């Protein structure tokens, strides 16, 4: 009995894997961005460059059809840079050229390693120990090939370097039958090679993919730390803009115009509180402090760059030059 093992990385394995990730995401959430790293393989270094890119190509194709991730190109970056270079050299007009700094960042990276990829062939019979067929026909042997593909995978948050909870695993696909003749393979993606796709090794690869996909279907992955950090920074900036004290500029019936607008981060529907200033004087008549008496709250109906208008339903009279602030801000803490 002879045993032969041939280890190689596989192109199909990671493609569909990432794909399922998006099928389980909530429609109400913003789809996070993800890039696909070239697949690595242990113990098969001379195959790694071609196979690693082939697997990434497959994954990008599959993930691009899913709704819960926005897939970013990670393999054809040199081609994209070449397109941008046409604008830098003047061969494409500046109006139509691709500008540097416009690429999106990825929340996550899908990383995978092929830890086993090959065929184990057992020959039974043959030689002097093989049974003889009738009528003088020579001995025979039975060949049985077992093909196994094993893939370790994980999803990494690019900003925190944390592996997403539950987004890691090992998939093993096994298929009996005819293997694949690697001696006739000259590079490229196995997904473009029908012989491989129809082989038992190709089918084992697809089994491993299916296992990964089924696992990914159970995940609910939201925006990564990169997106959350950016959102928090934007919110902090907007809060700083609104952390300001404005004044009432005009009162027309129930309409109140204030000096706060879009430049201060306000938008239609925001709530603003109106305060009556109360001066605190000493016996000499000197103003020692100014406190504020809450009178009403308005909802902004019109917002311009430097002013806004809202209506109120109260009975109190509102005066011009009274104070106005974001309803969520403590006016006593403002300058």
C-alpha atoms as a PDB file:
ATOM      1  CA  UNK A   1       0.000   0.000   0.000  1.00  0.00           C
ATOM      2  CA  UNK A   2       1.350   3.393  -0.996  1.00  0.00           C
ATOM      3  CA  UNK A   3       0.356   6.730   0.478  1.00  0.00           C
ATOM      4  CA  UNK A   4       1.014  10.088  -1.190  1.00  0.00           C
ATOM      5  CA  UNK A   5       0.083  13.539   0.140  1.00  0.00           C
ATOM      6  CA  UNK A   6       0.159  16.722  -1.866  1.00  0.00           C
ATOM      7  CA  UNK A   7      -0.587  19.937   0.035  1.00  0.00           C
ATOM      8  CA  UNK A   8      -1.695  23.037  -1.838  1.00  0.00           C
ATOM      9  CA  UNK A   9      -3.779  26.160  -1.073  1.00  0.00           C
ATOM     10  CA  UNK A  10      -7.258  26.440  -2.492  1.00  0.00           C
ATOM     11  CA  UNK A  11      -8.954  29.302  -4.332  1.00  0.00           C
ATOM     12  CA  UNK A  12     -12.588  28.595  -3.712  1.00  0.00           C
ATOM     13  CA  UNK A  13     -12.488  28.053  -0.029  1.00  0.00           C
ATOM     14  CA  UNK A  14     -12.654  31.598   1.227  1.00  0.00           C
ATOM     15  CA  UNK A  15     -14.848  33.125  -1.382  1.00  0.00           C
ATOM     16  CA  UNK A  16     -18.248  31.927  -0.340  1.00  0.00           C
ATOM     17  CA  UNK A  17     -17.094  31.923   3.243  1.00  0.00           C
ATOM     18  CA  UNK A  18     -17.185  35.644   3.673  1.00  0.00           C
ATOM     19  CA  UNK A  19     -20.207  35.767   1.528  1.00  0.00           C
ATOM     20  CA  UNK A  20     -22.557  34.376   4.105  1.00  0.00           C
ATOM     21  CA  UNK A  21     -21.484  36.976   6.585  1.00  0.00           C
ATOM     22  CA  UNK A  22     -23.791  39.495   5.046  1.00  0.00           C
ATOM     23  CA  UNK A  23     -26.929  37.418   4.783  1.00  0.00           C
ATOM     24  CA  UNK A  24     -27.514  37.610   8.528  1.00  0.00           C
ATOM     25  CA  UNK A  25     -26.882  41.317   9.062  1.00  0.00           C
ATOM     26  CA  UNK A  26     -29.746  43.544  10.077  1.00  0.00           C
ATOM     27  CA  UNK A  27     -31.211  45.700   7.336  1.00  0.00           C
ATOM     28  CA  UNK A  28     -31.480  48.574   9.785  1.00  0.00           C
ATOM     29  CA  UNK A  29     -27.721  48.705  10.258  1.00  0.00           C
ATOM     30  CA  UNK A  30     -25.173  50.341   8.047  1.00  0.00           C
ATOM     31  CA  UNK A  31     -23.207  47.599   6.300  1.00  0.00           C
ATOM     32  CA  UNK A  32     -19.585  47.565   7.487  1.00  0.00           C
ATOM     33  CA  UNK A  33     -16.747  47.562   4.980  1.00  0.00           C
ATOM     34  CA  UNK A  34     -14.438  44.569   4.610  1.00  0.00           C
ATOM     35  CA  UNK A  35     -11.343  43.707   2.614  1.00  0.00           C
ATOM     36  CA  UNK A  36     -10.100  40.249   1.711  1.00  0.00           C
ATOM     37  CA  UNK A  37      -6.489  39.377   2.471  1.00  0.00           C
ATOM     38  CA  UNK A  38      -4.563  37.023   0.214  1.00  0.00           C
ATOM     39  CA  UNK A  39      -4.802  33.515   1.532  1.00  0.00           C
ATOM     40  CA  UNK A  40      -1.737  31.930   3.047  1.00  0.00           C
ATOM     41  CA  UNK A  41      -0.877  28.245   3.196  1.00  0.00           C
ATOM     42  CA  UNK A  42       1.278  26.326   5.625  1.00  0.00           C
ATOM     43  CA  UNK A  43       3.898  23.979   4.211  1.00  0.00           C
ATOM     44  CA  UNK A  44       3.193  24.847   0.570  1.00  0.00           C
ATOM     45  CA  UNK A  45       5.098  28.084   0.103  1.00  0.00           C
ATOM     46  CA  UNK A  46       5.730  27.692  -3.619  1.00  0.00           C
ATOM     47  CA  UNK A  47       1.979  27.578  -4.255  1.00  0.00           C
ATOM     48  CA  UNK A  48       1.079  30.427  -1.985  1.00  0.00           C
ATOM     49  CA  UNK A  49       1.360  33.514  -4.273  1.00  0.00           C
ATOM     50  CA  UNK A  50      -0.905  32.235  -7.059  1.00  0.00           C
ATOM     51  CA  UNK A  51      -3.348  30.445  -4.804  1.00  0.00           C
ATOM     52  CA  UNK A  52      -3.516  33.224  -2.240  1.00  0.00           C
ATOM     53  CA  UNK A  53      -4.610  35.746  -4.830  1.00  0.00           C
ATOM     54  CA  UNK A  54      -6.949  33.245  -6.462  1.00  0.00           C
ATOM     55  CA  UNK A  55      -8.795  32.665  -3.210  1.00  0.00           C
ATOM     56  CA  UNK A  56      -9.073  36.391  -2.571  1.00  0.00           C
ATOM     57  CA  UNK A  57     -10.525  36.877  -6.054  1.00  0.00           C
ATOM     58  CA  UNK A  58     -13.146  34.251  -5.345  1.00  0.00           C
ATOM     59  CA  UNK A  59     -14.096  35.816  -2.037  1.00  0.00           C
ATOM     60  CA  UNK A  60     -14.405  39.296  -3.471  1.00  0.00           C
ATOM     61  CA  UNK A  61     -16.743  37.950  -6.145  1.00  0.00           C
ATOM     62  CA  UNK A  62     -18.953  36.121  -3.660  1.00  0.00           C
ATOM     63  CA  UNK A  63     -19.027  38.826  -1.015  1.00  0.00           C
ATOM     64  CA  UNK A  64     -19.920  41.463  -3.582  1.00  0.00           C
ATOM     65  CA  UNK A  65     -23.333  39.817  -3.936  1.00  0.00           C
ATOM     66  CA  UNK A  66     -24.172  40.042  -0.235  1.00  0.00           C
ATOM     67  CA  UNK A  67     -26.103  42.875   1.446  1.00  0.00           C
ATOM     68  CA  UNK A  68     -24.520  43.036   4.918  1.00  0.00           C
ATOM     69  CA  UNK A  69     -20.964  43.981   3.889  1.00  0.00           C
ATOM     70  CA  UNK A  70     -19.491  46.518   1.540  1.00  0.00           C
ATOM     71  CA  UNK A  71     -16.514  44.791  -0.046  1.00  0.00           C
ATOM     72  CA  UNK A  72     -13.456  46.901  -0.819  1.00  0.00           C
ATOM     73  CA  UNK A  73     -10.980  45.924  -3.524  1.00  0.00           C
ATOM     74  CA  UNK A  74      -7.828  44.427  -2.045  1.00  0.00           C
ATOM     75  CA  UNK A  75      -6.196  42.552  -4.941  1.00  0.00           C
ATOM     76  CA  UNK A  76      -6.276  44.966  -7.891  1.00  0.00           C
ATOM     77  CA  UNK A  77      -4.773  47.930  -6.025  1.00  0.00           C
ATOM     78  CA  UNK A  78      -1.931  48.312  -8.525  1.00  0.00           C
ATOM     79  CA  UNK A  79      -4.477  48.573 -11.327  1.00  0.00           C
ATOM     80  CA  UNK A  80      -6.358  51.263  -9.421  1.00  0.00           C
ATOM     81  CA  UNK A  81      -3.147  53.174  -8.820  1.00  0.00           C
ATOM     82  CA  UNK A  82      -2.370  52.959 -12.533  1.00  0.00           C
ATOM     83  CA  UNK A  83      -5.737  54.548 -13.310  1.00  0.00           C
ATOM     84  CA  UNK A  84      -5.023  57.366 -10.870  1.00  0.00           C
ATOM     85  CA  UNK A  85      -1.589  57.854 -12.443  1.00  0.00           C
ATOM     86  CA  UNK A  86      -3.284  58.729 -15.751  1.00  0.00           C
ATOM     87  CA  UNK A  87      -4.667  61.837 -14.098  1.00  0.00           C
ATOM     88  CA  UNK A  88      -1.368  62.648 -12.393  1.00  0.00           C
ATOM     89  CA  UNK A  89       0.432  62.491 -15.756  1.00  0.00           C
ATOM     90  CA  UNK A  90      -2.165  64.649 -17.503  1.00  0.00           C
ATOM     91  CA  UNK A  91      -3.383  61.891 -19.833  1.00  0.00           C
ATOM     92  CA  UNK A  92      -6.790  62.191 -18.174  1.00  0.00           C
ATOM     93  CA  UNK A  93      -8.272  65.621 -17.491  1.00  0.00           C
ATOM     94  CA  UNK A  94      -8.293  66.822 -13.895  1.00  0.00           C
ATOM     95  CA  UNK A  95     -12.087  66.981 -14.018  1.00  0.00           C
ATOM     96  CA  UNK A  96     -12.305  63.248 -14.731  1.00  0.00           C
ATOM     97  CA  UNK A  97      -9.211  62.004 -12.934  1.00  0.00           C
ATOM     98  CA  UNK A  98      -9.236  59.862  -9.805  1.00  0.00           C
ATOM     99  CA  UNK A  99      -7.914  61.874  -6.877  1.00  0.00           C
ATOM    100  CA  UNK A 100      -5.631  60.504  -4.194  1.00  0.00           C
ATOM    101  CA  UNK A 101      -7.212  60.141  -0.777  1.00  0.00           C
ATOM    102  CA  UNK A 102     -10.667  59.095  -1.991  1.00  0.00           C
ATOM    103  CA  UNK A 103     -10.419  55.396  -1.172  1.00  0.00           C
ATOM    104  CA  UNK A 104     -12.584  54.105   1.636  1.00  0.00           C
ATOM    105  CA  UNK A 105     -11.144  52.395   4.680  1.00  0.00           C
ATOM    106  CA  UNK A 106     -12.156  48.868   5.703  1.00  0.00           C
ATOM    107  CA  UNK A 107     -13.698  48.052   9.061  1.00  0.00           C
ATOM    108  CA  UNK A 108     -12.667  44.416   8.850  1.00  0.00           C
ATOM    109  CA  UNK A 109     -10.242  42.057   7.131  1.00  0.00           C
ATOM    110  CA  UNK A 110     -11.114  38.461   6.300  1.00  0.00           C
ATOM    111  CA  UNK A 111      -7.999  36.343   6.869  1.00  0.00           C
ATOM    112  CA  UNK A 112      -7.602  32.677   6.016  1.00  0.00           C
ATOM    113  CA  UNK A 113      -4.931  29.998   5.949  1.00  0.00           C
ATOM    114  CA  UNK A 114      -5.091  26.705   4.092  1.00  0.00           C
ATOM    115  CA  UNK A 115      -3.645  24.220   6.570  1.00  0.00           C
ATOM    116  CA  UNK A 116      -4.322  21.134   4.488  1.00  0.00           C
ATOM    117  CA  UNK A 117      -4.999  20.693   0.783  1.00  0.00           C
ATOM    118  CA  UNK A 118      -4.245  17.436  -0.927  1.00  0.00           C
ATOM    119  CA  UNK A 119      -5.002  13.858  -1.871  1.00  0.00           C
ATOM    120  CA  UNK A 120      -4.231  10.685  -0.037  1.00  0.00           C
ATOM    121  CA  UNK A 121      -4.109   7.736  -2.443  1.00  0.00           C
ATOM    122  CA  UNK A 122      -4.226   4.097  -1.375  1.00  0.00           C
ATOM    123  CA  UNK A 123      -3.471   1.301  -3.863  1.00  0.00           C
ATOM    124  CA  UNK A 124      -4.718  -2.176  -3.044  1.00  0.00           C
ATOM    125  CA  UNK A 125      -3.567  -5.267  -4.983  1.00  0.00           C
ATOM    126  CA  UNK A 126      -1.083  -5.377  -7.882  1.00  0.00           C
ATOM    127  CA  UNK A 127       2.205  -7.248  -8.094  1.00  0.00           C
ATOM    128  CA  UNK A 128       2.520 -10.811  -6.898  1.00  0.00           C
ATOM    129  CA  UNK A 129      -0.158 -10.308  -4.255  1.00  0.00           C
ATOM    130  CA  UNK A 130      -2.912  -9.258  -6.646  1.00  0.00           C
ATOM    131  CA  UNK A 131      -5.740 -11.682  -7.347  1.00  0.00           C
ATOM    132  CA  UNK A 132      -5.759 -13.190 -10.806  1.00  0.00           C
ATOM    133  CA  UNK A 133      -8.631 -12.701 -13.201  1.00  0.00           C
ATOM    134  CA  UNK A 134      -9.910 -15.666 -15.269  1.00  0.00           C
ATOM    135  CA  UNK A 135      -8.764 -16.505 -18.781  1.00  0.00           C
ATOM    136  CA  UNK A 136      -5.191 -15.537 -18.076  1.00  0.00           C
ATOM    137  CA  UNK A 137      -5.894 -11.830 -17.509  1.00  0.00           C
ATOM    138  CA  UNK A 138      -3.179 -10.236 -15.372  1.00  0.00           C
ATOM    139  CA  UNK A 139      -3.462  -8.979 -11.803  1.00  0.00           C
ATOM    140  CA  UNK A 140      -5.365  -5.827 -10.872  1.00  0.00           C
ATOM    141  CA  UNK A 141      -5.193  -3.173  -8.179  1.00  0.00           C
ATOM    142  CA  UNK A 142      -7.834  -0.922  -6.625  1.00  0.00           C
ATOM    143  CA  UNK A 143      -7.029   2.779  -6.214  1.00  0.00           C
ATOM    144  CA  UNK A 144      -8.881   4.809  -3.660  1.00  0.00           C
ATOM    145  CA  UNK A 145      -8.221   8.546  -3.317  1.00  0.00           C
ATOM    146  CA  UNK A 146      -9.335  10.582  -0.332  1.00  0.00           C
ATOM    147  CA  UNK A 147      -9.167  14.368  -0.809  1.00  0.00           C
ATOM    148  CA  UNK A 148      -9.088  16.727   2.119  1.00  0.00           C
ATOM    149  CA  UNK A 149      -9.180  20.526   2.384  1.00  0.00           C
ATOM    150  CA  UNK A 150      -8.755  22.284   5.714  1.00  0.00           C
ATOM    151  CA  UNK A 151      -9.083  26.054   6.125  1.00  0.00           C
ATOM    152  CA  UNK A 152      -8.565  28.149   9.243  1.00  0.00           C
ATOM    153  CA  UNK A 153     -10.265  31.547   9.020  1.00  0.00           C
ATOM    154  CA  UNK A 154     -11.041  34.638  11.066  1.00  0.00           C
ATOM    155  CA  UNK A 155     -12.392  38.179  10.754  1.00  0.00           C
ATOM    156  CA  UNK A 156     -10.249  40.931  12.275  1.00  0.00           C
ATOM    157  CA  UNK A 157     -11.292  44.428  13.338  1.00  0.00           C
ATOM    158  CA  UNK A 158      -8.737  46.632  11.584  1.00  0.00           C
ATOM    159  CA  UNK A 159      -8.801  49.433  14.149  1.00  0.00           C
ATOM    160  CA  UNK A 160      -8.576  47.385  17.335  1.00  0.00           C
ATOM    161  CA  UNK A 161      -6.839  44.246  15.942  1.00  0.00           C
ATOM    162  CA  UNK A 162      -9.453  42.231  17.835  1.00  0.00           C
ATOM    163  CA  UNK A 163     -10.844  39.096  16.255  1.00  0.00           C
ATOM    164  CA  UNK A 164     -14.596  39.473  15.953  1.00  0.00           C
ATOM    165  CA  UNK A 165     -16.382  37.335  18.520  1.00  0.00           C
ATOM    166  CA  UNK A 166     -17.583  34.109  16.930  1.00  0.00           C
ATOM    167  CA  UNK A 167     -15.981  34.990  13.580  1.00  0.00           C
ATOM    168  CA  UNK A 168     -13.250  32.398  13.604  1.00  0.00           C
ATOM    169  CA  UNK A 169     -13.128  28.708  12.865  1.00  0.00           C
ATOM    170  CA  UNK A 170     -11.709  25.709  11.027  1.00  0.00           C
ATOM    171  CA  UNK A 171     -13.463  24.002   8.151  1.00  0.00           C
ATOM    172  CA  UNK A 172     -12.591  20.557   6.825  1.00  0.00           C
ATOM    173  CA  UNK A 173     -13.974  19.169   3.588  1.00  0.00           C
ATOM    174  CA  UNK A 174     -13.401  15.536   2.584  1.00  0.00           C
ATOM    175  CA  UNK A 175     -14.336  13.867  -0.713  1.00  0.00           C
ATOM    176  CA  UNK A 176     -13.445  10.474  -2.181  1.00  0.00           C
ATOM    177  CA  UNK A 177     -12.718  10.075  -5.869  1.00  0.00           C
ATOM    178  CA  UNK A 178     -10.357  11.368  -8.532  1.00  0.00           C
ATOM    179  CA  UNK A 179      -7.920  14.016  -7.360  1.00  0.00           C
ATOM    180  CA  UNK A 180      -6.351  16.742  -9.465  1.00  0.00           C
ATOM    181  CA  UNK A 181      -3.240  16.624 -11.682  1.00  0.00           C
ATOM    182  CA  UNK A 182      -1.141  19.462 -10.331  1.00  0.00           C
ATOM    183  CA  UNK A 183       1.673  18.757 -12.783  1.00  0.00           C
ATOM    184  CA  UNK A 184      -0.492  20.206 -15.582  1.00  0.00           C
ATOM    185  CA  UNK A 185      -1.487  23.290 -13.578  1.00  0.00           C
ATOM    186  CA  UNK A 186       0.386  26.458 -14.518  1.00  0.00           C
ATOM    187  CA  UNK A 187      -0.997  29.038 -12.108  1.00  0.00           C
ATOM    188  CA  UNK A 188      -4.124  31.182 -12.046  1.00  0.00           C
ATOM    189  CA  UNK A 189      -7.308  30.656 -10.130  1.00  0.00           C
ATOM    190  CA  UNK A 190      -8.734  27.192  -9.674  1.00  0.00           C
ATOM    191  CA  UNK A 191     -12.140  28.776 -10.119  1.00  0.00           C
ATOM    192  CA  UNK A 192     -11.247  29.146 -13.821  1.00  0.00           C
ATOM    193  CA  UNK A 193     -10.171  25.517 -14.113  1.00  0.00           C
ATOM    194  CA  UNK A 194     -13.071  23.175 -14.847  1.00  0.00           C
ATOM    195  CA  UNK A 195     -10.931  20.080 -14.250  1.00  0.00           C
ATOM    196  CA  UNK A 196     -10.313  21.187 -10.704  1.00  0.00           C
ATOM    197  CA  UNK A 197     -13.930  22.167 -10.126  1.00  0.00           C
ATOM    198  CA  UNK A 198     -15.085  18.702 -11.221  1.00  0.00           C
ATOM    199  CA  UNK A 199     -12.422  16.840  -9.280  1.00  0.00           C
ATOM    200  CA  UNK A 200     -12.897  15.306  -5.851  1.00  0.00           C
ATOM    201  CA  UNK A 201     -10.396  17.794  -4.482  1.00  0.00           C
ATOM    202  CA  UNK A 202     -12.486  20.645  -5.862  1.00  0.00           C
ATOM    203  CA  UNK A 203     -15.595  19.157  -4.302  1.00  0.00           C
ATOM    204  CA  UNK A 204     -13.788  18.819  -0.971  1.00  0.00           C
ATOM    205  CA  UNK A 205     -12.919  22.496  -1.251  1.00  0.00           C
ATOM    206  CA  UNK A 206     -16.552  23.384  -1.760  1.00  0.00           C
ATOM    207  CA  UNK A 207     -17.510  21.336   1.285  1.00  0.00           C
ATOM    208  CA  UNK A 208     -15.059  23.330   3.393  1.00  0.00           C
ATOM    209  CA  UNK A 209     -16.528  26.536   1.991  1.00  0.00           C
ATOM    210  CA  UNK A 210     -20.034  25.416   2.866  1.00  0.00           C
ATOM    211  CA  UNK A 211     -19.012  24.790   6.464  1.00  0.00           C
ATOM    212  CA  UNK A 212     -17.560  28.304   6.711  1.00  0.00           C
ATOM    213  CA  UNK A 213     -20.612  29.843   5.090  1.00  0.00           C
ATOM    214  CA  UNK A 214     -22.977  28.123   7.498  1.00  0.00           C
ATOM    215  CA  UNK A 215     -20.973  29.490  10.406  1.00  0.00           C
ATOM    216  CA  UNK A 216     -20.896  32.993   8.967  1.00  0.00           C
ATOM    217  CA  UNK A 217     -24.659  32.959   8.459  1.00  0.00           C
ATOM    218  CA  UNK A 218     -25.095  32.995  12.237  1.00  0.00           C
ATOM    219  CA  UNK A 219     -23.030  36.177  12.692  1.00  0.00           C
ATOM    220  CA  UNK A 220     -24.454  39.653  13.169  1.00  0.00           C
ATOM    221  CA  UNK A 221     -21.503  41.952  12.511  1.00  0.00           C
ATOM    222  CA  UNK A 222     -21.982  45.690  12.928  1.00  0.00           C
ATOM    223  CA  UNK A 223     -19.679  48.601  12.080  1.00  0.00           C
ATOM    224  CA  UNK A 224     -16.088  48.147  13.225  1.00  0.00           C
ATOM    225  CA  UNK A 225     -14.092  50.247  15.664  1.00  0.00           C
ATOM    226  CA  UNK A 226     -12.844  52.411  12.766  1.00  0.00           C
ATOM    227  CA  UNK A 227     -16.372  53.498  11.862  1.00  0.00           C
ATOM    228  CA  UNK A 228     -17.469  53.847  15.485  1.00  0.00           C
ATOM    229  CA  UNK A 229     -14.424  55.968  16.332  1.00  0.00           C
ATOM    230  CA  UNK A 230     -15.093  58.212  13.345  1.00  0.00           C
ATOM    231  CA  UNK A 231     -18.759  58.527  14.316  1.00  0.00           C
ATOM    232  CA  UNK A 232     -17.842  59.388  17.902  1.00  0.00           C
ATOM    233  CA  UNK A 233     -15.372  61.992  16.710  1.00  0.00           C
ATOM    234  CA  UNK A 234     -17.988  63.505  14.410  1.00  0.00           C
ATOM    235  CA  UNK A 235     -20.534  63.529  17.225  1.00  0.00           C
ATOM    236  CA  UNK A 236     -18.047  65.184  19.570  1.00  0.00           C
ATOM    237  CA  UNK A 237     -17.324  67.832  16.937  1.00  0.00           C
ATOM    238  CA  UNK A 238     -21.016  68.471  16.376  1.00  0.00           C
ATOM    239  CA  UNK A 239     -21.608  68.665  20.116  1.00  0.00           C
ATOM    240  CA  UNK A 240     -18.821  71.226  20.460  1.00  0.00           C
ATOM    241  CA  UNK A 241     -20.425  73.383  17.759  1.00  0.00           C
ATOM    242  CA  UNK A 242     -23.758  73.295  19.579  1.00  0.00           C
ATOM    243  CA  UNK A 243     -22.205  73.961  22.966  1.00  0.00           C
ATOM    244  CA  UNK A 244     -22.773  77.687  22.519  1.00  0.00           C
ATOM    245  CA  UNK A 245     -25.184  80.339  23.788  1.00  0.00           C
ATOM    246  CA  UNK A 246     -27.249  82.215  21.212  1.00  0.00           C
ATOM    247  CA  UNK A 247     -29.825  84.982  21.522  1.00  0.00           C
ATOM    248  CA  UNK A 248     -33.364  85.639  20.385  1.00  0.00           C
ATOM    249  CA  UNK A 249     -33.169  87.927  17.337  1.00  0.00           C
ATOM    250  CA  UNK A 250     -36.847  88.387  16.476  1.00  0.00           C
ATOM    251  CA  UNK A 251     -40.265  87.468  17.874  1.00  0.00           C
ATOM    252  CA  UNK A 252     -43.261  87.439  15.531  1.00  0.00           C
ATOM    253  CA  UNK A 253     -46.306  85.998  17.223  1.00  0.00           C
ATOM    254  CA  UNK A 254     -45.435  82.378  17.967  1.00  0.00           C
ATOM    255  CA  UNK A 255     -42.383  82.419  15.677  1.00  0.00           C
ATOM    256  CA  UNK A 256     -39.023  82.920  17.362  1.00  0.00           C
ATOM    257  CA  UNK A 257     -35.857  83.604  15.361  1.00  0.00           C
ATOM    258  CA  UNK A 258     -32.582  82.809  17.131  1.00  0.00           C
ATOM    259  CA  UNK A 259     -28.904  83.387  16.260  1.00  0.00           C
ATOM    260  CA  UNK A 260     -28.073  79.675  16.093  1.00  0.00           C
ATOM    261  CA  UNK A 261     -28.099  77.853  12.741  1.00  0.00           C
ATOM    262  CA  UNK A 262     -26.515  75.186  10.596  1.00  0.00           C
ATOM    263  CA  UNK A 263     -23.062  76.647  11.215  1.00  0.00           C
ATOM    264  CA  UNK A 264     -23.576  75.673  14.856  1.00  0.00           C
ATOM    265  CA  UNK A 265     -24.615  72.137  13.964  1.00  0.00           C
ATOM    266  CA  UNK A 266     -28.374  72.640  14.249  1.00  0.00           C
ATOM    267  CA  UNK A 267     -30.915  71.035  11.942  1.00  0.00           C
ATOM    268  CA  UNK A 268     -34.666  71.048  11.419  1.00  0.00           C
ATOM    269  CA  UNK A 269     -36.439  69.243  14.240  1.00  0.00           C
ATOM    270  CA  UNK A 270     -33.838  70.064  16.902  1.00  0.00           C
ATOM    271  CA  UNK A 271     -35.077  71.448  20.200  1.00  0.00           C
ATOM    272  CA  UNK A 272     -33.880  74.737  21.674  1.00  0.00           C
ATOM    273  CA  UNK A 273     -34.593  76.214  25.088  1.00  0.00           C
ATOM    274  CA  UNK A 274     -35.297  79.930  25.558  1.00  0.00           C
ATOM    275  CA  UNK A 275     -34.164  81.629  28.779  1.00  0.00           C
ATOM    276  CA  UNK A 276     -34.919  85.018  30.304  1.00  0.00           C
ATOM    277  CA  UNK A 277     -31.692  86.609  31.608  1.00  0.00           C
ATOM    278  CA  UNK A 278     -31.915  87.740  35.247  1.00  0.00           C
ATOM    279  CA  UNK A 279     -29.253  90.167  36.430  1.00  0.00           C
ATOM    280  CA  UNK A 280     -28.025  89.960  40.012  1.00  0.00           C
ATOM    281  CA  UNK A 281     -27.042  93.405  41.352  1.00  0.00           C
ATOM    282  CA  UNK A 282     -25.519  94.574  44.587  1.00  0.00           C
ATOM    283  CA  UNK A 283     -26.670  97.571  46.608  1.00  0.00           C
ATOM    284  CA  UNK A 284     -24.533  99.844  44.422  1.00  0.00           C
ATOM    285  CA  UNK A 285     -26.406  98.717  41.357  1.00  0.00           C
ATOM    286  CA  UNK A 286     -23.470  96.765  39.966  1.00  0.00           C
ATOM    287  CA  UNK A 287     -24.275  93.626  37.978  1.00  0.00           C
ATOM    288  CA  UNK A 288     -22.523  90.836  39.844  1.00  0.00           C
ATOM    289  CA  UNK A 289     -23.915  87.864  37.907  1.00  0.00           C
ATOM    290  CA  UNK A 290     -26.501  86.868  35.341  1.00  0.00           C
ATOM    291  CA  UNK A 291     -28.680  83.839  35.843  1.00  0.00           C
ATOM    292  CA  UNK A 292     -31.186  82.359  33.434  1.00  0.00           C
ATOM    293  CA  UNK A 293     -34.845  81.548  33.940  1.00  0.00           C
ATOM    294  CA  UNK A 294     -36.204  78.861  31.607  1.00  0.00           C
ATOM    295  CA  UNK A 295     -39.272  80.160  29.781  1.00  0.00           C
ATOM    296  CA  UNK A 296     -40.036  77.740  26.982  1.00  0.00           C
ATOM    297  CA  UNK A 297     -38.713  75.158  24.537  1.00  0.00           C
ATOM    298  CA  UNK A 298     -39.111  75.418  20.772  1.00  0.00           C
ATOM    299  CA  UNK A 299     -38.678  72.992  17.902  1.00  0.00           C
ATOM    300  CA  UNK A 300     -36.789  74.367  14.927  1.00  0.00           C
ATOM    301  CA  UNK A 301     -38.836  74.540  11.744  1.00  0.00           C
ATOM    302  CA  UNK A 302     -36.441  76.489   9.543  1.00  0.00           C
ATOM    303  CA  UNK A 303     -32.663  76.367   9.754  1.00  0.00           C
ATOM    304  CA  UNK A 304     -30.317  78.665   7.841  1.00  0.00           C
ATOM    305  CA  UNK A 305     -26.558  79.017   8.109  1.00  0.00           C
ATOM    306  CA  UNK A 306     -26.511  81.626  10.875  1.00  0.00           C
ATOM    307  CA  UNK A 307     -30.065  81.601  12.233  1.00  0.00           C
ATOM    308  CA  UNK A 308     -33.119  79.444  12.816  1.00  0.00           C
ATOM    309  CA  UNK A 309     -36.829  79.764  13.482  1.00  0.00           C
ATOM    310  CA  UNK A 310     -39.060  77.754  15.740  1.00  0.00           C
ATOM    311  CA  UNK A 311     -42.529  78.043  17.257  1.00  0.00           C
ATOM    312  CA  UNK A 312     -43.694  77.776  20.836  1.00  0.00           C
ATOM    313  CA  UNK A 313     -47.088  77.073  22.359  1.00  0.00           C
ATOM    314  CA  UNK A 314     -46.737  78.790  25.713  1.00  0.00           C
ATOM    315  CA  UNK A 315     -48.427  81.973  26.940  1.00  0.00           C
ATOM    316  CA  UNK A 316     -45.357  83.791  28.207  1.00  0.00           C
ATOM    317  CA  UNK A 317     -44.047  86.740  26.232  1.00  0.00           C
ATOM    318  CA  UNK A 318     -40.613  86.214  24.722  1.00  0.00           C
ATOM    319  CA  UNK A 319     -38.193  89.116  24.502  1.00  0.00           C
ATOM    320  CA  UNK A 320     -35.440  89.859  22.028  1.00  0.00           C
ATOM    321  CA  UNK A 321     -31.860  89.325  23.236  1.00  0.00           C
ATOM    322  CA  UNK A 322     -33.026  86.537  25.536  1.00  0.00           C
ATOM    323  CA  UNK A 323     -30.736  83.509  25.624  1.00  0.00           C
ATOM    324  CA  UNK A 324     -31.147  80.388  23.462  1.00  0.00           C
ATOM    325  CA  UNK A 325     -29.284  77.091  23.762  1.00  0.00           C
ATOM    326  CA  UNK A 326     -29.440  73.497  22.630  1.00  0.00           C
ATOM    327  CA  UNK A 327     -32.041  71.796  24.829  1.00  0.00           C
ATOM    328  CA  UNK A 328     -29.424  69.225  25.923  1.00  0.00           C
ATOM    329  CA  UNK A 329     -26.928  71.867  27.097  1.00  0.00           C
ATOM    330  CA  UNK A 330     -26.654  73.255  30.607  1.00  0.00           C
ATOM    331  CA  UNK A 331     -26.709  77.019  30.047  1.00  0.00           C
ATOM    332  CA  UNK A 332     -25.043  77.684  33.403  1.00  0.00           C
ATOM    333  CA  UNK A 333     -21.880  75.987  32.134  1.00  0.00           C
ATOM    334  CA  UNK A 334     -21.596  78.179  29.053  1.00  0.00           C
ATOM    335  CA  UNK A 335     -19.571  81.351  28.879  1.00  0.00           C
END
